[in-house]
Each structure stands twice: as structure tokens, then as C-alpha cells.
């Protein structure tokens, strides 16, 4: 097994604070807070579940964030 890379700390962020925001505002806020990748998915979408360091995920319905999680 190879060495584990030294990754910078992920943003200290309250993920629940994104729920209820419109998608564009949530994405802008996430980038300002240091998230390197922002992923927007519709409810029930089939997505890969690998953990990507620095990514924040938004489940968006009718242009409103319904759920948010890291990786």
C-alpha cells in the first residue's frame, strides 16, 4: 500500500446551513468557504459514492437544496 498523501483540512462548515438555500447561492457559498468541488444532483439520482476529498454534494429539487453531505 502506498503512502497516504498529506491532504489539507476540509472546510469547517455547518452542512445543515445549506439546506433550504437556492442552488446557486449554496454553490457560491460553498466555494467561498473553500470547497474545491461542488456536486449538484437531483433526488433519487444514481451517483458514485466514492469519497472525494474537498467535495460537497447537494441534492437539489426545484432549485432548492434539500440535503447536503461531504465527499
N, C-alpha and C. Protein backbone atom coordinates (compact mmCIF):
# COMPACT_ATOMS: atom_id res chain seq x y z
N UNK A 1 0.84 -1.17 0.00
CA UNK A 1 0.00 0.00 0.00
C UNK A 1 0.89 1.24 0.00
N UNK A 2 0.54 2.22 -0.78
CA UNK A 2 1.31 3.45 -0.89
C UNK A 2 1.08 4.37 0.30
N UNK A 3 1.91 5.39 0.38
CA UNK A 3 1.75 6.33 1.50
C UNK A 3 0.46 7.15 1.35
N UNK A 4 -0.07 7.54 2.48
CA UNK A 4 -1.27 8.38 2.50
C UNK A 4 -0.82 9.82 2.26
N UNK A 5 -1.42 10.50 1.28
CA UNK A 5 -0.99 11.88 0.99
C UNK A 5 -1.36 12.82 2.13
N UNK A 6 -0.58 13.88 2.26
CA UNK A 6 -0.91 14.93 3.22
C UNK A 6 -1.93 15.85 2.58
N UNK A 7 -3.17 15.67 2.95
CA UNK A 7 -4.25 16.48 2.38
C UNK A 7 -4.55 17.64 3.32
N UNK A 8 -4.86 18.80 2.77
CA UNK A 8 -5.23 19.92 3.64
C UNK A 8 -6.57 19.61 4.31
N UNK A 9 -6.84 20.27 5.41
CA UNK A 9 -8.10 20.06 6.11
C UNK A 9 -9.27 20.52 5.26
N UNK A 10 -10.35 19.77 5.32
CA UNK A 10 -11.57 20.21 4.63
C UNK A 10 -12.15 21.40 5.38
N UNK A 11 -12.96 22.19 4.70
CA UNK A 11 -13.56 23.35 5.36
C UNK A 11 -14.37 22.95 6.59
N UNK A 12 -14.23 23.72 7.65
CA UNK A 12 -15.08 23.57 8.83
C UNK A 12 -16.38 24.25 8.46
N UNK A 13 -17.43 23.49 8.27
CA UNK A 13 -18.65 24.06 7.72
C UNK A 13 -19.86 23.35 8.32
N UNK A 14 -20.92 24.08 8.56
CA UNK A 14 -22.19 23.52 9.01
C UNK A 14 -23.00 23.14 7.77
N UNK A 15 -23.00 21.87 7.45
CA UNK A 15 -23.66 21.43 6.22
C UNK A 15 -25.16 21.69 6.24
N UNK A 16 -25.75 21.66 7.42
CA UNK A 16 -27.19 21.93 7.51
C UNK A 16 -27.54 23.37 7.12
N UNK A 17 -26.55 24.26 7.15
CA UNK A 17 -26.83 25.66 6.81
C UNK A 17 -27.14 25.84 5.32
N UNK A 18 -26.84 24.84 4.50
CA UNK A 18 -27.12 24.93 3.06
C UNK A 18 -28.55 24.51 2.72
N UNK A 19 -29.14 23.69 3.57
CA UNK A 19 -30.49 23.18 3.30
C UNK A 19 -31.47 24.34 3.30
N UNK A 20 -32.26 24.42 2.22
CA UNK A 20 -33.25 25.47 2.07
C UNK A 20 -32.79 26.63 1.20
N UNK A 21 -31.48 26.70 0.92
CA UNK A 21 -30.97 27.75 0.05
C UNK A 21 -31.26 27.41 -1.41
N UNK A 22 -31.33 28.44 -2.26
CA UNK A 22 -31.41 28.14 -3.68
C UNK A 22 -30.04 27.61 -4.12
N UNK A 23 -30.04 26.80 -5.15
CA UNK A 23 -28.84 26.07 -5.55
C UNK A 23 -27.66 26.99 -5.88
N UNK A 24 -27.90 28.08 -6.59
CA UNK A 24 -26.81 28.98 -6.98
C UNK A 24 -26.18 29.63 -5.75
N UNK A 25 -26.99 30.06 -4.79
CA UNK A 25 -26.47 30.66 -3.57
C UNK A 25 -25.65 29.64 -2.78
N UNK A 26 -26.16 28.42 -2.69
CA UNK A 26 -25.45 27.37 -1.96
C UNK A 26 -24.10 27.07 -2.60
N UNK A 27 -24.07 26.98 -3.93
CA UNK A 27 -22.82 26.70 -4.63
C UNK A 27 -21.82 27.84 -4.43
N UNK A 28 -22.26 29.08 -4.54
CA UNK A 28 -21.37 30.22 -4.32
C UNK A 28 -20.81 30.21 -2.90
N UNK A 29 -21.67 29.98 -1.92
CA UNK A 29 -21.24 29.95 -0.52
C UNK A 29 -20.24 28.83 -0.28
N UNK A 30 -20.49 27.67 -0.86
CA UNK A 30 -19.57 26.54 -0.68
C UNK A 30 -18.18 26.85 -1.24
N UNK A 31 -18.13 27.44 -2.40
CA UNK A 31 -16.83 27.79 -3.00
C UNK A 31 -16.12 28.86 -2.17
N UNK A 32 -16.87 29.85 -1.66
CA UNK A 32 -16.27 30.88 -0.80
C UNK A 32 -15.72 30.29 0.48
N UNK A 33 -16.33 29.23 0.96
CA UNK A 33 -15.89 28.60 2.21
C UNK A 33 -14.78 27.57 2.00
N UNK A 34 -14.36 27.39 0.74
CA UNK A 34 -13.19 26.56 0.50
C UNK A 34 -13.41 25.19 -0.09
N UNK A 35 -14.64 24.84 -0.44
CA UNK A 35 -14.88 23.55 -1.09
C UNK A 35 -14.35 23.62 -2.51
N UNK A 36 -13.57 22.62 -2.90
CA UNK A 36 -12.96 22.64 -4.23
C UNK A 36 -13.87 22.07 -5.31
N UNK A 37 -14.78 21.19 -4.91
CA UNK A 37 -15.72 20.59 -5.87
C UNK A 37 -17.12 20.67 -5.28
N UNK A 38 -18.07 21.13 -6.09
CA UNK A 38 -19.46 21.20 -5.68
C UNK A 38 -20.26 20.34 -6.65
N UNK A 39 -20.99 19.37 -6.11
CA UNK A 39 -21.78 18.48 -6.97
C UNK A 39 -23.26 18.67 -6.65
N UNK A 40 -24.05 18.90 -7.69
CA UNK A 40 -25.49 19.08 -7.57
C UNK A 40 -26.17 17.88 -8.22
N UNK A 41 -27.04 17.20 -7.48
CA UNK A 41 -27.73 16.03 -8.01
C UNK A 41 -29.23 16.14 -7.71
N UNK A 42 -30.06 15.59 -8.60
CA UNK A 42 -31.50 15.58 -8.33
C UNK A 42 -31.85 14.45 -7.35
N UNK A 43 -33.00 14.55 -6.68
CA UNK A 43 -33.42 13.48 -5.77
C UNK A 43 -33.51 12.14 -6.50
N UNK A 44 -33.03 11.10 -5.85
CA UNK A 44 -33.11 9.76 -6.42
C UNK A 44 -32.10 9.45 -7.49
N UNK A 45 -31.18 10.37 -7.76
CA UNK A 45 -30.17 10.13 -8.81
C UNK A 45 -29.24 9.00 -8.39
N UNK A 46 -28.81 8.24 -9.37
CA UNK A 46 -27.82 7.19 -9.12
C UNK A 46 -26.46 7.84 -9.32
N UNK A 47 -25.66 7.86 -8.24
CA UNK A 47 -24.35 8.51 -8.28
C UNK A 47 -23.29 7.59 -7.70
N UNK A 48 -22.05 7.86 -8.04
CA UNK A 48 -20.96 7.13 -7.42
C UNK A 48 -20.82 7.61 -5.98
N UNK A 49 -20.47 6.71 -5.10
CA UNK A 49 -20.41 7.05 -3.69
C UNK A 49 -18.97 7.08 -3.16
N UNK A 50 -17.99 7.09 -4.06
CA UNK A 50 -16.61 7.19 -3.58
C UNK A 50 -16.43 8.55 -2.90
N UNK A 51 -15.61 8.56 -1.88
CA UNK A 51 -15.36 9.80 -1.16
C UNK A 51 -14.32 10.61 -1.91
N UNK A 52 -14.67 11.82 -2.28
CA UNK A 52 -13.74 12.72 -2.94
C UNK A 52 -13.43 13.85 -1.98
N UNK A 53 -12.18 13.91 -1.53
CA UNK A 53 -11.75 14.92 -0.58
C UNK A 53 -12.02 16.32 -1.13
N UNK A 54 -12.62 17.18 -0.33
CA UNK A 54 -12.87 18.56 -0.74
C UNK A 54 -14.15 18.77 -1.52
N UNK A 55 -14.97 17.70 -1.65
CA UNK A 55 -16.23 17.84 -2.40
C UNK A 55 -17.41 17.97 -1.43
N UNK A 56 -18.34 18.83 -1.80
CA UNK A 56 -19.61 18.96 -1.10
C UNK A 56 -20.69 18.61 -2.10
N UNK A 57 -21.69 17.86 -1.65
CA UNK A 57 -22.76 17.38 -2.51
C UNK A 57 -24.08 18.02 -2.09
N UNK A 58 -24.85 18.45 -3.06
CA UNK A 58 -26.17 19.00 -2.80
C UNK A 58 -27.20 18.18 -3.56
N UNK A 59 -28.23 17.73 -2.85
CA UNK A 59 -29.40 17.17 -3.51
C UNK A 59 -30.36 18.34 -3.72
N UNK A 60 -30.69 18.61 -4.97
CA UNK A 60 -31.46 19.80 -5.33
C UNK A 60 -32.77 19.40 -6.02
N UNK A 61 -33.87 19.93 -5.50
CA UNK A 61 -35.19 19.74 -6.11
C UNK A 61 -35.84 21.11 -6.25
N UNK A 62 -36.35 21.40 -7.43
CA UNK A 62 -36.99 22.68 -7.71
C UNK A 62 -36.10 23.86 -7.32
N UNK A 63 -34.80 23.72 -7.62
CA UNK A 63 -33.76 24.73 -7.40
C UNK A 63 -33.51 25.06 -5.93
N UNK A 64 -33.89 24.14 -5.02
CA UNK A 64 -33.66 24.33 -3.59
C UNK A 64 -32.87 23.13 -3.07
N UNK A 65 -31.85 23.41 -2.24
CA UNK A 65 -31.05 22.35 -1.63
C UNK A 65 -31.91 21.63 -0.58
N UNK A 66 -32.08 20.33 -0.76
CA UNK A 66 -32.88 19.52 0.16
C UNK A 66 -32.01 18.73 1.13
N UNK A 67 -30.77 18.43 0.70
CA UNK A 67 -29.86 17.62 1.52
C UNK A 67 -28.45 17.97 1.13
N UNK A 68 -27.50 17.80 2.06
CA UNK A 68 -26.10 18.15 1.81
C UNK A 68 -25.20 17.16 2.54
N UNK A 69 -24.09 16.75 1.89
CA UNK A 69 -23.14 15.86 2.54
C UNK A 69 -21.75 16.05 1.95
N UNK A 70 -20.74 15.64 2.71
CA UNK A 70 -19.33 15.72 2.31
C UNK A 70 -18.98 14.58 1.37
N UNK A 71 -17.93 14.80 0.60
CA UNK A 71 -17.29 13.75 -0.17
C UNK A 71 -17.91 13.42 -1.46
